[in-house]
Protein backbone atom coordinates (compact mmCIF):
# COMPACT_ATOMS: atom_id res chain seq x y z
CA MET A 1 30.89 12.98 -101.40
CA GLN A 2 32.70 12.82 -98.08
CA PHE A 3 36.49 12.65 -98.35
CA PRO A 4 38.58 10.55 -98.35
CA ALA A 5 36.46 8.26 -100.54
CA LEU A 6 36.92 5.17 -102.69
CA SER A 7 35.94 4.15 -106.19
CA HIS A 8 36.90 0.94 -107.99
CA HIS A 9 37.83 0.41 -111.64
CA GLY A 10 38.41 -3.33 -111.41
CA GLY A 11 38.94 -6.11 -108.92
CA THR A 12 35.32 -6.13 -107.76
CA ARG A 13 33.76 -8.82 -109.97
CA SER A 14 36.57 -11.39 -109.84
CA VAL A 15 40.18 -12.01 -108.81
CA THR A 16 41.75 -9.89 -111.55
CA GLY A 17 41.87 -6.29 -112.71
CA SER A 18 42.67 -4.62 -109.39
CA CYS A 19 42.44 -0.84 -109.73
CA HIS A 20 41.28 1.41 -106.89
CA GLN A 21 41.02 5.19 -106.70
CA LEU A 22 41.43 7.03 -103.41
CA HIS A 23 39.73 10.42 -103.72
CA LEU A 24 41.31 13.00 -101.44
CA SER A 25 39.23 15.95 -102.66
CA PRO A 26 36.93 16.70 -105.61
CA ALA A 27 39.98 17.31 -107.82
CA THR A 28 42.75 15.20 -106.23
CA SER A 29 43.18 11.43 -106.04
CA LEU A 30 45.61 8.51 -106.01
CA LEU A 31 45.39 5.29 -108.00
CA ILE A 32 46.29 2.04 -106.27
CA ASP A 33 47.21 -0.56 -108.91
CA CYS A 34 46.15 -0.53 -112.54
CA GLY A 35 45.57 -4.17 -113.37
CA LEU A 36 44.26 -6.08 -116.35
CA GLU A 37 41.16 -8.24 -116.15
CA GLN A 38 42.07 -11.79 -117.17
CA GLY A 39 40.31 -15.11 -117.71
CA GLY A 40 36.57 -15.53 -118.19
CA GLU A 41 35.71 -12.11 -116.73
CA ALA A 42 37.80 -10.20 -119.28
CA ALA A 43 36.06 -8.55 -122.20
CA PRO A 44 37.44 -9.44 -125.65
CA GLY A 45 40.43 -7.24 -126.42
CA ALA A 46 40.74 -6.02 -122.81
CA GLU A 47 44.51 -5.69 -123.12
CA PHE A 48 44.06 -3.14 -125.94
CA ALA A 49 41.09 -1.22 -124.49
CA PRO A 50 41.36 2.43 -123.40
CA ILE A 51 41.69 3.09 -119.69
CA GLY A 52 37.95 3.62 -119.21
CA PHE A 53 37.95 6.29 -116.48
CA ASP A 54 38.89 9.95 -116.13
CA ILE A 55 42.54 10.35 -115.12
CA ALA A 56 42.31 14.09 -114.37
CA GLY A 57 43.57 14.87 -110.88
CA ILE A 58 45.33 11.52 -110.32
CA GLU A 59 48.52 12.62 -108.57
CA ALA A 60 50.29 9.24 -108.48
CA LEU A 61 49.93 5.54 -109.23
CA ILE A 62 50.98 3.30 -106.34
CA LEU A 63 51.68 -0.37 -107.11
CA THR A 64 51.31 -3.22 -104.63
CA HIS A 65 53.20 -5.68 -106.88
CA VAL A 66 53.93 -6.41 -110.53
CA HIS A 67 51.59 -9.26 -111.51
CA MET A 68 49.67 -8.36 -114.68
CA ASP A 69 46.32 -8.31 -112.91
CA HIS A 70 47.72 -5.37 -110.91
CA VAL A 71 49.86 -3.58 -113.53
CA GLY A 72 48.59 -4.71 -116.95
CA ARG A 73 46.66 -1.51 -117.75
CA ILE A 74 49.65 0.78 -117.26
CA PRO A 75 50.16 1.06 -121.07
CA ALA A 76 46.54 2.24 -121.40
CA LEU A 77 47.05 4.69 -118.51
CA LEU A 78 50.12 6.16 -120.21
CA ALA A 79 48.31 6.29 -123.54
CA ALA A 80 45.58 8.32 -121.82
CA GLY A 81 48.21 10.90 -120.86
CA PHE A 82 49.15 10.01 -117.29
CA ARG A 83 52.63 11.29 -116.48
CA GLY A 84 52.60 11.23 -112.68
CA PRO A 85 54.95 9.17 -110.52
CA ILE A 86 54.56 5.38 -110.43
CA ILE A 87 55.51 4.55 -106.85
CA CYS A 88 56.45 0.99 -105.84
CA SER A 89 58.91 -0.94 -103.70
CA VAL A 90 62.57 -1.19 -104.69
CA PRO A 91 62.27 -4.81 -105.93
CA SER A 92 59.09 -3.99 -107.87
CA ALA A 93 60.88 -1.09 -109.56
CA LYS A 94 63.42 -3.57 -110.92
CA LEU A 95 60.85 -6.21 -111.93
CA LEU A 96 58.21 -3.93 -113.45
CA PRO A 97 60.07 -3.09 -116.69
CA LEU A 98 60.77 -6.79 -117.31
CA VAL A 99 57.12 -7.74 -116.94
CA LEU A 100 55.73 -4.83 -118.95
CA GLU A 101 58.34 -5.12 -121.72
CA ASP A 102 57.35 -8.73 -122.31
CA ALA A 103 53.63 -7.85 -122.28
CA TYR A 104 54.19 -4.87 -124.60
CA LYS A 105 56.03 -7.01 -127.15
CA LEU A 106 53.30 -9.66 -127.09
CA GLY A 107 50.27 -7.37 -127.02
CA VAL A 108 51.23 -4.02 -128.56
CA SER A 109 54.39 -3.97 -130.67
CA SER A 110 57.72 -5.75 -130.91
CA ASP A 111 59.27 -2.89 -132.90
CA PRO A 112 62.53 -2.11 -131.07
CA VAL A 113 62.12 1.67 -131.41
CA GLN A 114 58.61 1.64 -129.92
CA VAL A 115 59.62 -0.74 -127.13
CA GLU A 116 62.62 1.42 -126.23
CA ARG A 117 60.50 4.59 -126.20
CA TYR A 118 57.90 2.91 -123.99
CA LEU A 119 60.48 1.60 -121.51
CA ALA A 120 62.26 4.97 -121.36
CA LEU A 121 58.98 6.68 -120.42
CA LEU A 122 58.27 4.02 -117.82
CA GLN A 123 61.72 4.39 -116.27
CA ARG A 124 61.29 8.18 -115.99
CA LEU A 125 58.07 7.77 -114.03
CA VAL A 126 58.99 4.92 -111.66
CA VAL A 127 59.84 6.02 -108.11
CA PRO A 128 61.32 3.23 -105.92
CA LEU A 129 60.28 3.52 -102.28
CA ALA A 130 61.92 1.70 -99.39
CA TYR A 131 59.73 -0.42 -97.14
CA GLU A 132 58.57 1.04 -93.81
CA GLN A 133 59.30 4.68 -94.74
CA TRP A 134 56.65 7.40 -94.97
CA HIS A 135 56.62 9.33 -98.23
CA CYS A 136 54.64 12.50 -99.01
CA VAL A 137 52.65 12.20 -102.26
CA VAL A 138 50.24 15.13 -101.90
CA GLU A 139 50.61 18.44 -100.08
CA GLN A 140 48.18 21.10 -101.29
CA GLY A 141 47.12 23.81 -98.87
CA GLY A 142 45.18 22.07 -96.14
CA LEU A 143 45.35 18.64 -97.83
CA ALA A 144 48.19 16.18 -97.23
CA CYS A 145 48.68 12.48 -97.94
CA ASN A 146 51.62 10.34 -96.90
CA ILE A 147 52.05 6.68 -97.89
CA ARG A 148 54.09 3.79 -96.54
CA LEU A 149 54.79 0.38 -98.07
CA GLN A 150 54.91 -2.76 -95.92
CA ARG A 151 55.89 -6.29 -96.98
CA ALA A 152 52.95 -8.39 -98.17
CA GLY A 153 54.71 -11.77 -98.63
CA HIS A 154 53.07 -12.49 -101.99
CA LEU A 155 56.13 -12.27 -104.23
CA LEU A 156 59.39 -10.36 -104.16
CA GLY A 157 58.58 -6.66 -103.91
CA SER A 158 54.92 -7.11 -102.99
CA ALA A 159 53.54 -4.59 -100.51
CA TYR A 160 50.42 -3.39 -98.84
CA VAL A 161 49.93 0.37 -98.91
CA GLU A 162 49.17 2.57 -95.90
CA CYS A 163 47.78 6.02 -96.75
CA ASP A 164 47.52 8.72 -94.10
CA VAL A 165 45.19 11.49 -95.28
CA ARG A 166 44.94 14.76 -93.40
CA ILE A 167 42.28 17.25 -94.48
CA ASP A 168 42.29 20.79 -93.11
CA GLY A 169 40.14 20.96 -90.00
CA ALA A 170 40.33 17.25 -89.15
CA GLN A 171 41.65 16.46 -85.68
CA SER A 172 43.69 13.48 -86.93
CA ALA A 173 44.70 11.77 -90.14
CA SER A 174 42.50 9.09 -91.67
CA ARG A 175 44.39 5.90 -92.48
CA ILE A 176 43.32 3.83 -95.49
CA VAL A 177 45.15 0.54 -96.09
CA PHE A 178 45.16 -1.36 -99.39
CA SER A 179 46.22 -4.98 -98.89
CA GLY A 180 47.15 -5.78 -102.49
CA ASP A 181 47.66 -9.54 -102.58
CA LEU A 182 48.71 -11.04 -99.23
CA GLY A 183 51.00 -14.05 -99.25
CA ALA A 184 50.53 -17.40 -97.56
CA PRO A 185 52.88 -18.20 -94.65
CA GLY A 186 56.03 -20.22 -95.19
CA ASN A 187 57.23 -18.68 -98.46
CA PRO A 188 60.78 -20.04 -98.83
CA LEU A 189 62.24 -16.75 -100.06
CA LEU A 190 60.20 -13.96 -98.49
CA ARG A 191 59.87 -12.42 -95.06
CA PRO A 192 56.49 -12.91 -93.36
CA VAL A 193 53.62 -10.43 -93.38
CA GLN A 194 53.15 -8.12 -90.40
CA SER A 195 49.67 -6.66 -89.90
CA PRO A 196 49.14 -2.87 -89.92
CA GLU A 197 49.06 -0.93 -86.66
CA ARG A 198 45.62 0.41 -87.51
CA ALA A 199 43.25 1.31 -90.35
CA ASP A 200 40.13 3.37 -90.55
CA ILE A 201 39.38 1.67 -93.85
CA LEU A 202 41.00 -1.60 -94.92
CA VAL A 203 40.63 -2.59 -98.59
CA LEU A 204 41.23 -6.34 -98.37
CA GLU A 205 41.70 -8.99 -101.05
CA SER A 206 39.55 -12.14 -100.82
CA THR A 207 40.97 -14.52 -103.44
CA TYR A 208 40.77 -17.54 -101.13
CA GLY A 209 38.25 -16.09 -98.70
CA ASP A 210 36.19 -19.28 -98.83
CA ARG A 211 38.85 -21.96 -98.35
CA LEU A 212 41.84 -23.17 -96.39
CA HIS A 213 45.11 -24.24 -97.98
CA SER A 214 46.48 -27.70 -97.35
CA GLY A 215 49.83 -29.26 -97.94
CA ARG A 216 52.15 -26.29 -97.44
CA SER A 217 54.17 -28.01 -94.72
CA ASP A 218 54.99 -31.10 -96.77
CA ARG A 219 54.87 -29.77 -100.32
CA GLN A 220 58.64 -30.13 -100.80
CA GLN A 221 58.52 -33.75 -99.65
CA ARG A 222 55.76 -34.50 -102.16
CA LEU A 223 57.70 -32.77 -104.92
CA GLU A 224 60.72 -34.89 -103.98
CA ALA A 225 58.61 -38.07 -104.23
CA VAL A 226 57.60 -37.07 -107.75
CA ILE A 227 61.24 -36.59 -108.71
CA ASP A 228 62.10 -40.00 -107.24
CA ARG A 229 59.43 -41.67 -109.36
CA ALA A 230 60.46 -39.89 -112.54
CA LEU A 231 64.08 -40.87 -112.04
CA ALA A 232 63.10 -44.48 -111.57
CA ASP A 233 61.13 -44.33 -114.85
CA ASN A 234 63.85 -42.42 -116.74
CA GLY A 235 61.23 -39.83 -117.53
CA THR A 236 60.97 -36.07 -117.78
CA ILE A 237 58.99 -34.02 -115.26
CA LEU A 238 57.14 -31.17 -116.96
CA ILE A 239 56.16 -28.33 -114.62
CA PRO A 240 54.04 -25.59 -116.20
CA ALA A 241 54.77 -22.47 -114.16
CA PHE A 242 54.34 -18.72 -114.37
CA SER A 243 57.54 -16.74 -114.81
CA LEU A 244 57.17 -14.48 -111.78
CA GLY A 245 57.09 -15.87 -108.24
CA ARG A 246 56.15 -19.51 -108.71
CA THR A 247 59.19 -20.37 -110.85
CA GLN A 248 61.60 -18.89 -108.31
CA GLU A 249 59.95 -20.79 -105.43
CA LEU A 250 60.25 -24.04 -107.38
CA LEU A 251 63.91 -23.48 -108.20
CA TYR A 252 64.65 -22.73 -104.55
CA GLU A 253 63.01 -25.94 -103.35
CA ILE A 254 64.45 -28.12 -106.13
CA GLU A 255 67.93 -26.84 -105.29
CA ASP A 256 67.35 -27.86 -101.68
CA ILE A 257 66.18 -31.34 -102.70
CA LEU A 258 69.21 -31.84 -104.94
CA HIS A 259 71.54 -30.49 -102.25
CA ARG A 260 70.27 -32.99 -99.69
CA LYS A 261 70.35 -35.84 -102.23
CA ALA A 262 73.96 -35.01 -103.03
CA LEU A 263 74.85 -35.18 -99.32
CA LEU A 264 73.06 -38.53 -98.97
CA ASN A 265 74.69 -39.83 -102.12
CA ASP A 266 78.24 -38.93 -101.11
CA GLY A 267 80.31 -41.81 -102.40
CA ARG A 268 77.62 -42.67 -104.99
CA GLN A 269 75.55 -44.86 -102.67
CA LEU A 270 72.28 -44.08 -100.96
CA PRO A 271 71.73 -45.80 -97.61
CA GLY A 272 69.76 -49.04 -97.29
CA ASP A 273 68.03 -50.81 -100.15
CA ASP A 274 66.89 -47.68 -101.96
CA PRO A 275 66.22 -48.63 -105.63
CA LEU A 276 67.64 -45.27 -106.71
CA GLN A 277 71.09 -45.95 -105.32
CA ALA A 278 72.64 -46.28 -108.77
CA ILE A 279 71.42 -42.85 -109.90
CA ASP A 280 73.92 -40.02 -110.09
CA TRP A 281 71.83 -37.14 -108.76
CA SER A 282 74.50 -34.64 -109.70
CA ARG A 283 73.72 -35.22 -113.40
CA LEU A 284 69.98 -34.56 -113.22
CA PRO A 285 69.39 -31.44 -115.33
CA VAL A 286 66.86 -28.83 -114.21
CA ILE A 287 65.85 -27.02 -117.40
CA LEU A 288 64.40 -23.52 -117.18
CA ASP A 289 62.92 -22.92 -120.64
CA SER A 290 61.48 -19.41 -120.47
CA PRO A 291 63.44 -16.27 -121.43
CA LEU A 292 61.21 -14.08 -119.25
CA ALA A 293 61.54 -16.41 -116.25
CA GLN A 294 65.32 -16.34 -116.70
CA ARG A 295 65.41 -12.53 -116.67
CA ILE A 296 63.17 -12.41 -113.62
CA THR A 297 65.22 -15.07 -111.81
CA LYS A 298 68.37 -13.03 -112.50
CA ALA A 299 66.65 -9.99 -110.97
CA TYR A 300 65.60 -12.09 -107.95
CA ARG A 301 69.25 -13.10 -107.43
CA GLU A 302 70.39 -9.47 -107.62
CA LEU A 303 67.70 -8.55 -105.05
CA HIS A 304 68.91 -11.09 -102.47
CA GLU A 305 69.01 -8.43 -99.75
CA PHE A 306 65.20 -8.64 -99.74
CA TRP A 307 65.17 -12.42 -99.18
CA ASN A 308 64.39 -13.87 -95.77
CA ASP A 309 67.11 -14.91 -93.30
CA GLU A 310 67.15 -18.61 -94.23
CA ALA A 311 67.50 -17.93 -97.93
CA ARG A 312 70.31 -15.43 -97.36
CA GLN A 313 72.03 -17.91 -95.04
CA ARG A 314 72.19 -20.42 -97.89
CA LEU A 315 73.92 -17.81 -100.01
CA GLY A 316 76.39 -17.27 -97.19
CA GLU A 317 77.12 -21.00 -97.19
CA GLY A 318 78.18 -20.79 -100.81
CA ARG A 319 75.01 -22.30 -102.24
CA GLY A 320 73.14 -20.86 -105.22
CA PRO A 321 69.41 -21.31 -104.49
CA LEU A 322 68.50 -19.74 -107.84
CA ALA A 323 71.74 -20.43 -109.74
CA PHE A 324 72.93 -23.98 -109.04
CA ASP A 325 75.20 -26.13 -111.19
CA GLN A 326 72.45 -28.37 -112.57
CA LEU A 327 70.29 -25.47 -113.72
CA VAL A 328 70.22 -25.24 -117.52
CA CYS A 329 68.73 -22.10 -119.06
CA VAL A 330 67.33 -22.35 -122.59
CA ASP A 331 67.05 -19.01 -124.33
CA THR A 332 66.62 -19.29 -128.11
CA HIS A 333 63.82 -21.10 -129.91
CA VAL A 334 66.36 -23.25 -131.78
CA LYS A 335 67.82 -24.50 -128.48
CA HIS A 336 64.32 -25.02 -127.14
CA GLN A 337 63.34 -27.29 -130.02
CA ALA A 338 66.61 -29.20 -129.71
CA VAL A 339 65.96 -29.85 -126.00
CA VAL A 340 62.40 -31.03 -126.72
CA ASN A 341 63.64 -33.46 -129.37
CA HIS A 342 66.48 -34.71 -127.17
CA LEU A 343 64.28 -35.44 -124.17
CA LYS A 344 61.66 -37.12 -126.35
CA SER A 345 64.16 -39.46 -128.00
CA THR A 346 66.43 -40.35 -125.07
CA GLY A 347 65.88 -42.06 -121.75
CA ARG A 348 67.69 -39.50 -119.66
CA PRO A 349 65.56 -38.06 -116.82
CA ALA A 350 65.18 -34.31 -116.45
CA ILE A 351 63.05 -31.63 -114.81
CA VAL A 352 61.61 -28.95 -117.13
CA ILE A 353 60.03 -25.72 -115.91
CA ALA A 354 58.39 -23.77 -118.72
CA GLY A 355 55.55 -21.31 -119.28
CA ASN A 356 52.84 -20.67 -119.44
CA GLY A 357 51.36 -21.89 -116.23
CA MET A 358 48.00 -22.98 -117.68
CA CYS A 359 49.44 -24.64 -120.82
CA SER A 360 47.46 -22.28 -123.06
CA GLY A 361 50.58 -21.06 -124.87
CA GLY A 362 54.32 -20.69 -124.54
CA ARG A 363 57.06 -23.27 -124.74
CA ILE A 364 55.41 -25.79 -122.41
CA VAL A 365 53.02 -26.67 -125.27
CA ASN A 366 55.82 -28.14 -127.40
CA TYR A 367 56.97 -30.32 -124.51
CA LEU A 368 53.42 -31.53 -123.94
CA LYS A 369 52.93 -32.38 -127.61
CA ALA A 370 56.16 -34.37 -127.57
CA MET A 371 55.70 -36.22 -124.27
CA LEU A 372 52.03 -36.55 -123.25
CA GLY A 373 51.79 -39.84 -125.12
CA ASP A 374 54.61 -41.55 -123.18
CA PRO A 375 53.91 -43.00 -119.69
CA ARG A 376 57.58 -42.49 -118.69
CA HIS A 377 56.93 -38.78 -118.36
CA GLU A 378 54.96 -36.82 -115.78
CA VAL A 379 53.16 -33.48 -115.82
CA VAL A 380 53.21 -31.83 -112.40
CA PHE A 381 50.85 -28.96 -111.61
CA VAL A 382 51.74 -26.58 -108.79
CA GLY A 383 49.16 -23.89 -109.50
CA TYR A 384 45.51 -23.24 -110.20
CA GLN A 385 44.24 -24.27 -113.63
CA ALA A 386 41.39 -22.08 -114.88
CA LYS A 387 38.34 -23.83 -116.28
CA GLY A 388 38.57 -24.36 -120.02
CA THR A 389 42.35 -24.15 -120.27
CA PRO A 390 44.47 -27.05 -121.60
CA GLY A 391 46.04 -27.27 -118.15
CA ALA A 392 42.63 -27.94 -116.59
CA VAL A 393 41.94 -30.72 -119.13
CA ILE A 394 45.28 -32.37 -118.44
CA GLN A 395 44.87 -31.99 -114.67
CA ALA A 396 41.40 -33.59 -114.86
CA SER A 397 42.95 -36.70 -116.43
CA GLU A 398 44.76 -37.45 -113.15
CA GLY A 399 43.42 -40.82 -111.97
CA ALA A 400 40.99 -41.10 -114.90
CA GLU A 401 40.26 -44.54 -116.34
CA GLY A 402 41.43 -45.02 -119.91
CA PHE A 403 43.13 -42.31 -121.93
CA VAL A 404 41.97 -38.71 -122.09
CA GLN A 405 42.44 -36.76 -125.31
CA ILE A 406 43.38 -33.10 -125.64
CA VAL A 407 43.70 -30.66 -128.52
CA LEU A 408 46.96 -28.69 -128.66
CA ASP A 409 47.67 -26.36 -131.60
CA GLY A 410 44.80 -27.94 -133.51
CA GLU A 411 46.09 -31.50 -133.11
CA LEU A 412 44.60 -34.30 -131.00
CA PHE A 413 46.86 -35.97 -128.42
CA GLU A 414 46.28 -38.83 -125.99
CA ILE A 415 47.36 -38.25 -122.41
CA ARG A 416 49.32 -41.38 -121.46
CA SER A 417 51.86 -39.63 -119.23
CA LYS A 418 51.41 -39.52 -115.49
CA VAL A 419 49.71 -36.42 -114.09
CA MET A 420 50.19 -35.13 -110.56
CA SER A 421 49.02 -32.04 -108.66
CA VAL A 422 51.19 -30.84 -105.79
CA SER A 423 49.20 -28.50 -103.55
CA GLY A 424 50.61 -25.93 -101.19
CA TYR A 425 52.12 -23.54 -103.74
CA SER A 426 49.43 -20.87 -103.66
CA GLY A 427 50.87 -17.38 -103.37
CA HIS A 428 47.73 -16.06 -101.65
CA ALA A 429 46.70 -16.20 -98.02
CA ASP A 430 43.71 -18.44 -97.34
CA GLN A 431 40.67 -17.52 -95.25
CA ALA A 432 42.53 -18.14 -91.98
CA GLY A 433 45.43 -15.95 -93.13
CA LEU A 434 43.16 -13.12 -94.21
CA VAL A 435 41.24 -13.22 -90.93
CA GLU A 436 44.51 -13.30 -88.99
CA PHE A 437 45.75 -10.24 -90.92
CA VAL A 438 42.74 -8.32 -89.56
CA GLN A 439 42.67 -9.90 -86.08
CA ALA A 440 46.35 -9.17 -85.47
CA MET A 441 45.87 -5.41 -85.87
CA PRO A 442 46.28 -3.77 -82.43
CA SER A 443 43.30 -1.54 -83.24
CA PRO A 444 40.53 -3.10 -85.35
CA PRO A 445 39.57 -1.22 -88.53
CA ARG A 446 36.42 0.85 -88.70
CA GLN A 447 35.54 -0.57 -92.12
CA VAL A 448 36.73 -3.52 -94.19
CA VAL A 449 36.02 -3.38 -97.94
CA LEU A 450 36.40 -6.74 -99.72
CA VAL A 451 37.79 -6.79 -103.27
CA HIS A 452 39.70 -9.14 -105.59
CA GLY A 453 37.62 -12.28 -105.15
CA GLU A 454 34.76 -14.26 -106.62
CA PRO A 455 31.36 -13.42 -105.07
CA ARG A 456 31.24 -16.67 -103.10
CA ALA A 457 34.72 -16.11 -101.65
CA LYS A 458 33.88 -12.55 -100.63
CA ARG A 459 30.64 -13.56 -98.93
CA ALA A 460 32.38 -16.36 -97.02
CA LEU A 461 35.16 -14.05 -95.86
CA GLN A 462 32.61 -11.40 -94.88
CA ARG A 463 30.85 -13.91 -92.61
CA ALA A 464 34.13 -15.15 -91.11
CA LEU A 465 35.35 -11.62 -90.37
CA GLU A 466 32.04 -10.51 -88.89
CA GLN A 467 32.05 -13.52 -86.60
CA VAL A 468 35.54 -12.96 -85.16
CA LEU A 469 35.11 -9.19 -84.92
CA VAL A 470 31.85 -9.56 -83.00
CA GLN A 471 33.59 -11.96 -80.61
CA SER A 472 36.28 -9.35 -79.96
CA ASN A 473 33.64 -6.61 -79.41
CA ALA A 474 34.89 -4.62 -82.40
CA SER A 475 32.44 -2.27 -84.12
CA THR A 476 33.85 -2.97 -87.58
CA SER A 477 31.60 -2.95 -90.65
CA VAL A 478 32.52 -5.40 -93.43
CA PHE A 479 31.42 -4.44 -96.95
CA ILE A 480 31.72 -6.09 -100.35
CA ALA A 481 32.92 -3.61 -102.99
CA LEU A 482 30.56 -3.13 -105.92
């Protein structure tokens, strides 16, 4: 084997399970991400399975971000005996224990002593690393490896990883770049992605390598139109959303909508003949019913120094983009059930954000059971719904003739509520964004290795990259990881 070299322990068959090993020598390596396979590609019991590869010689685990498909196998890695540093960005270091504590309680044990022991071990191993600073992870005789984290724009703390590997006798260092998940442009909270200076090998995600996103520029206006309609119907808007990333984006944009409505409605009258002029926007509750999402949102607020300029400017103006007056946080199950019953029995409009994002579990299910049968209410999807999930069934009823039925917790329910999908909230770059990430590099990479995508998406991105690289006279080879 010629070093440095790559092997993959996930993220090659689908869009989950990212886990890549960078071999620096026969006995020394780094692990980039340690994610859990999810969805249809996951084997039964994947969350409890042993790590599945030899961890001897792994000097460090480097995390691109803290979504479960990139960190979900860390408990298995620790169980296998790994005690090396877990290196990640400063925001990721704060978010990682929240995400893994919740997963540990759900999948391993909720015993307080075990949870505390697990979190204490995790905290001892985590090494926060500032963006844009080189950090030495390996220095053994004639072998050295330095890494640097750069913003990836996917969610707070996300990074792509630059690895400079110098092997004794080589004239220069080899640079291997792992993209992690790259964000789409226009994220309301995050700073934009900047492409690497160079890469000998670029390991690139391909989640949306076969498509282009639409609707990002006007997604907030379409969300506002949904709120207008729900207010007119005295109904509740149910938004199934994942706790990390999507929820915080939604809160940020809802706060902006309500802020502008309050300015328009100064004096309790909207201009013109607007039928909503009698509505007091200041009394519209925005209900965040997810304990994990609340803890993560609190961490996002504390990490405001990592927000983009516009978001930090709003803080400077005295606004609370993630902590506004109309935001109601529901923590206990007793309060949750009381809110469900109240909204079902009254005609007061509200916005509810609850997990999980695909309606396959979590508190959103109780809201759906209570409200799907009432046309006053509306279910709004802002994220992908995997085939076979309750969310996909509900989403498919949008525009359907007659009433669609769905089974929730073993009971049959008719979908009489309105259903709406608001596009433009994807956290991943599309094909154009991925190609631009490569094209914008001052020096084109020698190799691009495509991971983290369905086979069709990877093949489409491979063709698109080959086309633009040939046009620019680059001698880059584009491979699909196996």
